[in-house]
Amino acid sequence: CGFAAVPIKLARVFPEAEITGIDLGEPLLEPGRKLIEKSGIANGNIVLKKGDVKNLEFDDNSFDLVINTFMLHIVEDPVKMLNETERVTKPDGKIIITDLNRNYLALFLKKFRTPFTMKEGLEIINKSVLRTGIPSKGFFWYDYMCF
């Protein structure tokens, strides 16, 4: 969840939703909590927890929606992360994966050197047990949506 930008936006669009954000880095969680408080969404519907996306501390079929933003290219074992994503998502739940798309900007900008191309990302997704989804590609990122 980083510093909670995505959970805050989700809470504004879906004010009745219970949102759980996970981040391995404790240093990001406290600024995230402060941003939630400043956002005016301090009604308790966003909870930030320290956790490892490769070993989530949730029961099977826990979530209606799981959103994975910009993680595929930075996690040491992305297949394990995707398998965990599938495990914690309800059978009729939705999964949205978004990641940076390596492109020619990698010649000039360091942050575009480490991401996968969409083809490489889909090869990793296909190695996992993640349900079938629909890929789409933009210039800077690609999505894989399971609806």
N, C-alpha and C. Protein backbone atom coordinates (compact mmCIF):
# COMPACT_ATOMS: atom_id res chain seq x y z
N CYS A 1 0.82 -1.21 0.00
CA CYS A 1 0.00 0.00 0.00
C CYS A 1 0.85 1.25 0.00
N GLY A 2 2.16 1.10 0.23
CA GLY A 2 3.00 2.29 0.26
C GLY A 2 2.48 3.27 1.29
N PHE A 3 2.39 4.53 0.92
CA PHE A 3 1.91 5.54 1.87
C PHE A 3 0.42 5.79 1.72
N ALA A 4 -0.33 4.81 1.22
CA ALA A 4 -1.80 4.75 1.27
C ALA A 4 -2.54 5.57 0.21
N ALA A 5 -1.88 5.96 -0.85
CA ALA A 5 -2.58 6.75 -1.88
C ALA A 5 -3.73 5.96 -2.50
N VAL A 6 -3.50 4.70 -2.85
CA VAL A 6 -4.56 3.89 -3.47
C VAL A 6 -5.69 3.61 -2.48
N PRO A 7 -5.40 3.18 -1.25
CA PRO A 7 -6.51 2.98 -0.30
C PRO A 7 -7.34 4.23 -0.06
N ILE A 8 -6.72 5.40 -0.02
CA ILE A 8 -7.46 6.64 0.20
C ILE A 8 -8.39 6.91 -0.99
N LYS A 9 -7.88 6.76 -2.21
CA LYS A 9 -8.73 6.97 -3.39
C LYS A 9 -9.90 5.98 -3.40
N LEU A 10 -9.62 4.73 -3.08
CA LEU A 10 -10.69 3.72 -3.04
C LEU A 10 -11.75 4.08 -2.00
N ALA A 11 -11.31 4.53 -0.84
CA ALA A 11 -12.25 4.89 0.22
C ALA A 11 -13.13 6.07 -0.18
N ARG A 12 -12.60 6.96 -0.98
CA ARG A 12 -13.41 8.09 -1.44
C ARG A 12 -14.48 7.64 -2.43
N VAL A 13 -14.12 6.70 -3.28
CA VAL A 13 -15.07 6.21 -4.28
C VAL A 13 -16.06 5.22 -3.67
N PHE A 14 -15.58 4.41 -2.72
CA PHE A 14 -16.41 3.39 -2.08
C PHE A 14 -16.39 3.61 -0.56
N PRO A 15 -17.11 4.61 -0.06
CA PRO A 15 -17.01 4.97 1.35
C PRO A 15 -17.47 3.88 2.33
N GLU A 16 -18.24 2.91 1.87
CA GLU A 16 -18.70 1.83 2.74
C GLU A 16 -17.74 0.64 2.76
N ALA A 17 -16.72 0.67 1.91
CA ALA A 17 -15.80 -0.47 1.80
C ALA A 17 -14.87 -0.56 3.00
N GLU A 18 -14.53 -1.78 3.34
CA GLU A 18 -13.48 -2.04 4.32
C GLU A 18 -12.22 -2.30 3.53
N ILE A 19 -11.19 -1.49 3.73
CA ILE A 19 -9.98 -1.54 2.92
C ILE A 19 -8.79 -1.89 3.81
N THR A 20 -8.03 -2.90 3.37
CA THR A 20 -6.83 -3.31 4.08
C THR A 20 -5.64 -3.10 3.16
N GLY A 21 -4.69 -2.31 3.60
CA GLY A 21 -3.46 -2.08 2.84
C GLY A 21 -2.32 -2.82 3.49
N ILE A 22 -1.50 -3.45 2.66
CA ILE A 22 -0.36 -4.24 3.16
C ILE A 22 0.93 -3.65 2.60
N ASP A 23 1.94 -3.53 3.46
CA ASP A 23 3.26 -3.12 3.00
C ASP A 23 4.31 -3.81 3.86
N LEU A 24 5.38 -4.25 3.24
CA LEU A 24 6.47 -4.90 3.97
C LEU A 24 7.29 -3.89 4.76
N GLY A 25 7.30 -2.64 4.30
CA GLY A 25 8.12 -1.61 4.92
C GLY A 25 7.38 -0.83 5.99
N GLU A 26 7.70 -1.09 7.21
CA GLU A 26 7.10 -0.37 8.34
C GLU A 26 7.26 1.15 8.20
N PRO A 27 8.38 1.65 7.68
CA PRO A 27 8.53 3.10 7.56
C PRO A 27 7.47 3.78 6.69
N LEU A 28 6.85 3.06 5.76
CA LEU A 28 5.81 3.66 4.93
C LEU A 28 4.44 3.66 5.59
N LEU A 29 4.24 2.78 6.54
CA LEU A 29 2.91 2.64 7.13
C LEU A 29 2.52 3.85 7.98
N GLU A 30 3.43 4.38 8.76
CA GLU A 30 3.09 5.52 9.63
C GLU A 30 2.75 6.77 8.81
N PRO A 31 3.54 7.13 7.79
CA PRO A 31 3.11 8.26 6.95
C PRO A 31 1.77 7.98 6.26
N GLY A 32 1.54 6.72 5.90
CA GLY A 32 0.25 6.36 5.31
C GLY A 32 -0.89 6.60 6.26
N ARG A 33 -0.71 6.23 7.52
CA ARG A 33 -1.76 6.46 8.53
C ARG A 33 -2.01 7.95 8.72
N LYS A 34 -0.94 8.74 8.69
CA LYS A 34 -1.11 10.19 8.83
C LYS A 34 -1.85 10.78 7.62
N LEU A 35 -1.54 10.28 6.42
CA LEU A 35 -2.25 10.75 5.23
C LEU A 35 -3.73 10.39 5.28
N ILE A 36 -4.03 9.21 5.79
CA ILE A 36 -5.43 8.79 5.94
C ILE A 36 -6.14 9.75 6.88
N GLU A 37 -5.50 10.06 7.99
CA GLU A 37 -6.09 10.98 8.97
C GLU A 37 -6.31 12.37 8.35
N LYS A 38 -5.32 12.87 7.62
CA LYS A 38 -5.43 14.18 6.97
C LYS A 38 -6.48 14.19 5.86
N SER A 39 -6.72 13.03 5.26
CA SER A 39 -7.67 12.95 4.14
C SER A 39 -9.11 13.12 4.58
N GLY A 40 -9.36 13.02 5.87
CA GLY A 40 -10.73 13.09 6.37
C GLY A 40 -11.44 11.76 6.33
N ILE A 41 -10.74 10.71 5.96
CA ILE A 41 -11.33 9.36 5.92
C ILE A 41 -10.84 8.60 7.16
N ALA A 42 -11.06 9.18 8.28
CA ALA A 42 -10.60 8.57 9.52
C ALA A 42 -11.72 7.80 10.21
N ASN A 43 -12.63 7.23 9.42
CA ASN A 43 -13.75 6.51 10.02
C ASN A 43 -13.45 5.03 10.24
N GLY A 44 -12.20 4.65 10.07
CA GLY A 44 -11.80 3.28 10.37
C GLY A 44 -12.00 2.29 9.24
N ASN A 45 -12.38 2.76 8.05
CA ASN A 45 -12.59 1.78 6.99
C ASN A 45 -11.30 1.45 6.24
N ILE A 46 -10.18 2.11 6.59
CA ILE A 46 -8.87 1.75 6.02
C ILE A 46 -7.98 1.30 7.17
N VAL A 47 -7.43 0.10 7.00
CA VAL A 47 -6.47 -0.44 7.96
C VAL A 47 -5.19 -0.74 7.21
N LEU A 48 -4.07 -0.25 7.71
CA LEU A 48 -2.77 -0.54 7.12
C LEU A 48 -2.03 -1.52 8.01
N LYS A 49 -1.49 -2.58 7.40
CA LYS A 49 -0.79 -3.61 8.16
C LYS A 49 0.55 -3.92 7.53
N LYS A 50 1.50 -4.24 8.39
CA LYS A 50 2.77 -4.74 7.88
C LYS A 50 2.55 -6.19 7.47
N GLY A 51 3.00 -6.53 6.27
CA GLY A 51 2.81 -7.89 5.81
C GLY A 51 3.63 -8.17 4.57
N ASP A 52 3.82 -9.44 4.31
CA ASP A 52 4.58 -9.92 3.17
C ASP A 52 3.62 -10.46 2.13
N VAL A 53 3.60 -9.88 0.94
CA VAL A 53 2.67 -10.28 -0.11
C VAL A 53 2.89 -11.72 -0.58
N LYS A 54 4.02 -12.31 -0.20
CA LYS A 54 4.29 -13.70 -0.56
C LYS A 54 3.81 -14.67 0.51
N ASN A 55 3.38 -14.13 1.64
CA ASN A 55 2.93 -14.96 2.76
C ASN A 55 1.92 -14.15 3.57
N LEU A 56 0.73 -13.97 3.01
CA LEU A 56 -0.29 -13.13 3.64
C LEU A 56 -0.93 -13.82 4.83
N GLU A 57 -1.17 -13.06 5.87
CA GLU A 57 -1.76 -13.60 7.09
C GLU A 57 -3.28 -13.45 7.08
N PHE A 58 -3.89 -13.89 6.01
CA PHE A 58 -5.35 -13.86 5.87
C PHE A 58 -5.83 -15.26 5.49
N ASP A 59 -7.07 -15.54 5.86
CA ASP A 59 -7.66 -16.82 5.48
C ASP A 59 -7.88 -16.88 3.99
N ASP A 60 -8.04 -18.08 3.47
CA ASP A 60 -8.43 -18.26 2.08
C ASP A 60 -9.74 -17.53 1.84
N ASN A 61 -9.92 -17.02 0.63
CA ASN A 61 -11.19 -16.40 0.22
C ASN A 61 -11.62 -15.25 1.13
N SER A 62 -10.70 -14.39 1.49
CA SER A 62 -10.99 -13.30 2.43
C SER A 62 -11.50 -12.02 1.77
N PHE A 63 -11.12 -11.76 0.51
CA PHE A 63 -11.36 -10.44 -0.06
C PHE A 63 -12.21 -10.49 -1.33
N ASP A 64 -13.08 -9.50 -1.47
CA ASP A 64 -13.89 -9.34 -2.68
C ASP A 64 -13.06 -8.76 -3.83
N LEU A 65 -12.07 -7.96 -3.49
CA LEU A 65 -11.23 -7.32 -4.49
C LEU A 65 -9.80 -7.24 -3.96
N VAL A 66 -8.85 -7.64 -4.80
CA VAL A 66 -7.43 -7.49 -4.46
C VAL A 66 -6.78 -6.67 -5.57
N ILE A 67 -6.12 -5.59 -5.16
CA ILE A 67 -5.43 -4.72 -6.11
C ILE A 67 -3.94 -4.80 -5.82
N ASN A 68 -3.18 -5.06 -6.85
CA ASN A 68 -1.73 -5.18 -6.75
C ASN A 68 -1.14 -4.12 -7.66
N THR A 69 -0.53 -3.09 -7.08
CA THR A 69 -0.01 -2.00 -7.88
C THR A 69 1.52 -1.94 -7.83
N PHE A 70 2.12 -2.05 -8.98
CA PHE A 70 3.55 -1.87 -9.18
C PHE A 70 4.42 -2.78 -8.31
N MET A 71 3.96 -4.02 -8.12
CA MET A 71 4.70 -4.98 -7.30
C MET A 71 5.37 -6.09 -8.11
N LEU A 72 4.80 -6.43 -9.24
CA LEU A 72 5.26 -7.60 -9.98
C LEU A 72 6.77 -7.56 -10.23
N HIS A 73 7.28 -6.41 -10.57
CA HIS A 73 8.70 -6.31 -10.93
C HIS A 73 9.63 -6.11 -9.74
N ILE A 74 9.11 -5.90 -8.54
CA ILE A 74 10.01 -5.66 -7.41
C ILE A 74 10.03 -6.80 -6.39
N VAL A 75 9.07 -7.71 -6.48
CA VAL A 75 9.01 -8.82 -5.52
C VAL A 75 9.98 -9.92 -5.96
N GLU A 76 10.68 -10.47 -4.98
CA GLU A 76 11.68 -11.50 -5.27
C GLU A 76 11.08 -12.74 -5.94
N ASP A 77 9.89 -13.14 -5.54
CA ASP A 77 9.24 -14.32 -6.12
C ASP A 77 7.82 -13.92 -6.54
N PRO A 78 7.68 -13.30 -7.71
CA PRO A 78 6.36 -12.81 -8.11
C PRO A 78 5.31 -13.91 -8.29
N VAL A 79 5.73 -15.11 -8.66
CA VAL A 79 4.76 -16.21 -8.82
C VAL A 79 4.15 -16.55 -7.46
N LYS A 80 4.96 -16.60 -6.43
CA LYS A 80 4.45 -16.87 -5.09
C LYS A 80 3.48 -15.77 -4.64
N MET A 81 3.82 -14.52 -4.95
CA MET A 81 2.93 -13.40 -4.62
C MET A 81 1.58 -13.56 -5.33
N LEU A 82 1.63 -13.89 -6.62
CA LEU A 82 0.39 -14.06 -7.38
C LEU A 82 -0.43 -15.23 -6.86
N ASN A 83 0.23 -16.30 -6.45
CA ASN A 83 -0.49 -17.44 -5.86
C ASN A 83 -1.19 -17.03 -4.56
N GLU A 84 -0.54 -16.20 -3.77
CA GLU A 84 -1.15 -15.70 -2.54
C GLU A 84 -2.32 -14.78 -2.86
N THR A 85 -2.17 -13.97 -3.89
CA THR A 85 -3.26 -13.10 -4.33
C THR A 85 -4.50 -13.93 -4.65
N GLU A 86 -4.30 -14.98 -5.40
CA GLU A 86 -5.41 -15.87 -5.75
C GLU A 86 -6.00 -16.52 -4.51
N ARG A 87 -5.16 -16.96 -3.60
CA ARG A 87 -5.63 -17.66 -2.40
C ARG A 87 -6.55 -16.80 -1.55
N VAL A 88 -6.21 -15.53 -1.39
CA VAL A 88 -6.99 -14.68 -0.48
C VAL A 88 -8.20 -14.02 -1.16
N THR A 89 -8.32 -14.15 -2.48
CA THR A 89 -9.45 -13.57 -3.20
C THR A 89 -10.60 -14.56 -3.24
N LYS A 90 -11.80 -14.09 -2.94
CA LYS A 90 -12.99 -14.95 -2.99
C LYS A 90 -13.18 -15.50 -4.40
N PRO A 91 -13.79 -16.69 -4.53
CA PRO A 91 -13.99 -17.27 -5.87
C PRO A 91 -14.70 -16.33 -6.85
N ASP A 92 -15.63 -15.54 -6.36
CA ASP A 92 -16.32 -14.60 -7.24
C ASP A 92 -15.73 -13.19 -7.13
N GLY A 93 -14.56 -13.09 -6.49
CA GLY A 93 -13.90 -11.80 -6.30
C GLY A 93 -13.17 -11.33 -7.55
N LYS A 94 -12.66 -10.14 -7.46
CA LYS A 94 -11.97 -9.48 -8.57
C LYS A 94 -10.51 -9.24 -8.20
N ILE A 95 -9.66 -9.29 -9.23
CA ILE A 95 -8.22 -9.03 -9.05
C ILE A 95 -7.79 -8.02 -10.11
N ILE A 96 -7.06 -7.01 -9.67
CA ILE A 96 -6.50 -6.03 -10.59
C ILE A 96 -5.00 -5.93 -10.33
N ILE A 97 -4.22 -6.18 -11.35
CA ILE A 97 -2.77 -6.06 -11.27
C ILE A 97 -2.34 -4.97 -12.23
N THR A 98 -1.57 -4.02 -11.74
CA THR A 98 -1.02 -2.95 -12.57
C THR A 98 0.47 -2.89 -12.31
N ASP A 99 1.25 -2.81 -13.38
CA ASP A 99 2.69 -2.66 -13.20
C ASP A 99 3.25 -1.77 -14.30
N LEU A 100 4.42 -1.22 -14.01
CA LEU A 100 5.11 -0.41 -15.01
C LEU A 100 5.44 -1.28 -16.22
N ASN A 101 5.48 -0.67 -17.37
CA ASN A 101 5.80 -1.35 -18.62
C ASN A 101 7.15 -0.85 -19.11
N ARG A 102 8.14 -1.75 -19.13
CA ARG A 102 9.45 -1.34 -19.64
C ARG A 102 9.30 -0.96 -21.12
N ASN A 103 9.85 0.17 -21.47
CA ASN A 103 9.80 0.64 -22.86
C ASN A 103 11.08 1.39 -23.16
N TYR A 104 11.12 2.08 -24.28
CA TYR A 104 12.36 2.74 -24.70
C TYR A 104 12.81 3.83 -23.73
N LEU A 105 11.93 4.29 -22.85
CA LEU A 105 12.35 5.29 -21.85
C LEU A 105 13.42 4.72 -20.91
N ALA A 106 13.54 3.39 -20.88
CA ALA A 106 14.57 2.76 -20.05
C ALA A 106 15.97 3.22 -20.46
N LEU A 107 16.12 3.65 -21.67
CA LEU A 107 17.42 4.18 -22.12
C LEU A 107 17.79 5.46 -21.39
N PHE A 108 16.77 6.19 -20.90
CA PHE A 108 16.99 7.50 -20.30
C PHE A 108 16.63 7.59 -18.83
N LEU A 109 15.65 6.77 -18.40
CA LEU A 109 15.16 6.85 -17.02
C LEU A 109 15.34 5.52 -16.31
N LYS A 110 16.06 5.56 -15.21
CA LYS A 110 16.39 4.34 -14.48
C LYS A 110 15.15 3.56 -14.04
N LYS A 111 14.09 4.26 -13.62
CA LYS A 111 12.92 3.55 -13.10
C LYS A 111 12.22 2.70 -14.15
N PHE A 112 12.52 2.91 -15.42
CA PHE A 112 11.93 2.09 -16.48
C PHE A 112 12.85 0.95 -16.92
N ARG A 113 13.97 0.74 -16.22
CA ARG A 113 14.87 -0.36 -16.56
C ARG A 113 14.49 -1.66 -15.88
N THR A 114 13.97 -1.59 -14.67
CA THR A 114 13.69 -2.82 -13.91
C THR A 114 12.35 -3.46 -14.21
N PRO A 115 11.33 -2.72 -14.64
CA PRO A 115 10.04 -3.38 -14.90
C PRO A 115 10.12 -4.38 -16.06
N PHE A 116 9.14 -5.27 -16.07
CA PHE A 116 9.00 -6.22 -17.17
C PHE A 116 8.23 -5.56 -18.31
N THR A 117 8.41 -6.09 -19.50
CA THR A 117 7.50 -5.75 -20.57
C THR A 117 6.18 -6.46 -20.27
N MET A 118 5.10 -6.09 -20.93
CA MET A 118 3.84 -6.78 -20.71
C MET A 118 3.97 -8.26 -21.04
N LYS A 119 4.68 -8.59 -22.09
CA LYS A 119 4.87 -10.00 -22.46
C LYS A 119 5.56 -10.77 -21.34
N GLU A 120 6.62 -10.19 -20.76
CA GLU A 120 7.33 -10.84 -19.65
C GLU A 120 6.42 -10.97 -18.43
N GLY A 121 5.64 -9.91 -18.14
CA GLY A 121 4.71 -9.96 -17.01
C GLY A 121 3.68 -11.06 -17.19
N LEU A 122 3.15 -11.19 -18.40
CA LEU A 122 2.16 -12.25 -18.66
C LEU A 122 2.77 -13.64 -18.56
N GLU A 123 4.04 -13.79 -18.93
CA GLU A 123 4.71 -15.08 -18.76
C GLU A 123 4.78 -15.46 -17.28
N ILE A 124 5.05 -14.49 -16.42
CA ILE A 124 5.09 -14.74 -14.97
C ILE A 124 3.68 -15.07 -14.47
N ILE A 125 2.71 -14.29 -14.87
CA ILE A 125 1.33 -14.55 -14.46
C ILE A 125 0.90 -15.95 -14.86
N ASN A 126 1.27 -16.38 -16.05
CA ASN A 126 0.89 -17.71 -16.54
C ASN A 126 1.57 -18.85 -15.79
N LYS A 127 2.64 -18.57 -15.07
CA LYS A 127 3.30 -19.58 -14.24
C LYS A 127 2.60 -19.74 -12.89
N SER A 128 1.73 -18.82 -12.56
CA SER A 128 1.04 -18.83 -11.27
C SER A 128 -0.31 -19.54 -11.40
N VAL A 129 -1.01 -19.65 -10.28
CA VAL A 129 -2.37 -20.22 -10.28
C VAL A 129 -3.43 -19.13 -10.41
N LEU A 130 -3.01 -17.92 -10.69
CA LEU A 130 -3.95 -16.80 -10.82
C LEU A 130 -5.00 -17.11 -11.88
N ARG A 131 -6.23 -16.78 -11.56
CA ARG A 131 -7.33 -17.01 -12.50
C ARG A 131 -7.11 -16.24 -13.80
N THR A 132 -7.81 -16.66 -14.81
CA THR A 132 -7.71 -16.04 -16.12
C THR A 132 -8.20 -14.60 -16.06
N GLY A 133 -7.44 -13.71 -16.69
CA GLY A 133 -7.80 -12.32 -16.71
C GLY A 133 -7.63 -11.72 -18.09
N ILE A 134 -7.86 -10.44 -18.17
CA ILE A 134 -7.77 -9.72 -19.43
C ILE A 134 -6.61 -8.72 -19.32
N PRO A 135 -5.58 -8.89 -20.17
CA PRO A 135 -4.48 -7.92 -20.15
C PRO A 135 -4.81 -6.70 -21.01
N SER A 136 -4.29 -5.57 -20.62
CA SER A 136 -4.37 -4.36 -21.45
C SER A 136 -3.08 -3.59 -21.24
N LYS A 137 -2.70 -2.83 -22.25
CA LYS A 137 -1.40 -2.19 -22.23
C LYS A 137 -1.50 -0.71 -22.53
N GLY A 138 -0.81 0.06 -21.73
CA GLY A 138 -0.61 1.48 -22.00
C GLY A 138 0.87 1.71 -22.23
N PHE A 139 1.24 2.93 -22.49
CA PHE A 139 2.64 3.22 -22.75
C PHE A 139 3.50 3.03 -21.49
N PHE A 140 3.01 3.52 -20.35
CA PHE A 140 3.79 3.49 -19.12
C PHE A 140 3.52 2.28 -18.24
N TRP A 141 2.37 1.64 -18.39
CA TRP A 141 2.04 0.50 -17.55
C TRP A 141 1.14 -0.46 -18.31
N TYR A 142 0.94 -1.64 -17.69
CA TYR A 142 -0.02 -2.60 -18.22
C TYR A 142 -0.86 -3.10 -17.07
N ASP A 143 -2.02 -3.61 -17.40
CA ASP A 143 -2.96 -4.13 -16.41
C ASP A 143 -3.31 -5.57 -16.75
N TYR A 144 -3.68 -6.30 -15.71
CA TYR A 144 -4.22 -7.65 -15.86
C TYR A 144 -5.43 -7.69 -14.93
N MET A 145 -6.61 -7.78 -15.49
CA MET A 145 -7.83 -7.69 -14.68
C MET A 145 -8.62 -8.98 -14.74
N CYS A 146 -8.94 -9.50 -13.58
CA CYS A 146 -9.73 -10.71 -13.45
C CYS A 146 -11.09 -10.33 -12.91
N PHE A 147 -12.09 -10.34 -13.77
CA PHE A 147 -13.44 -9.95 -13.35
C PHE A 147 -14.36 -11.12 -13.48
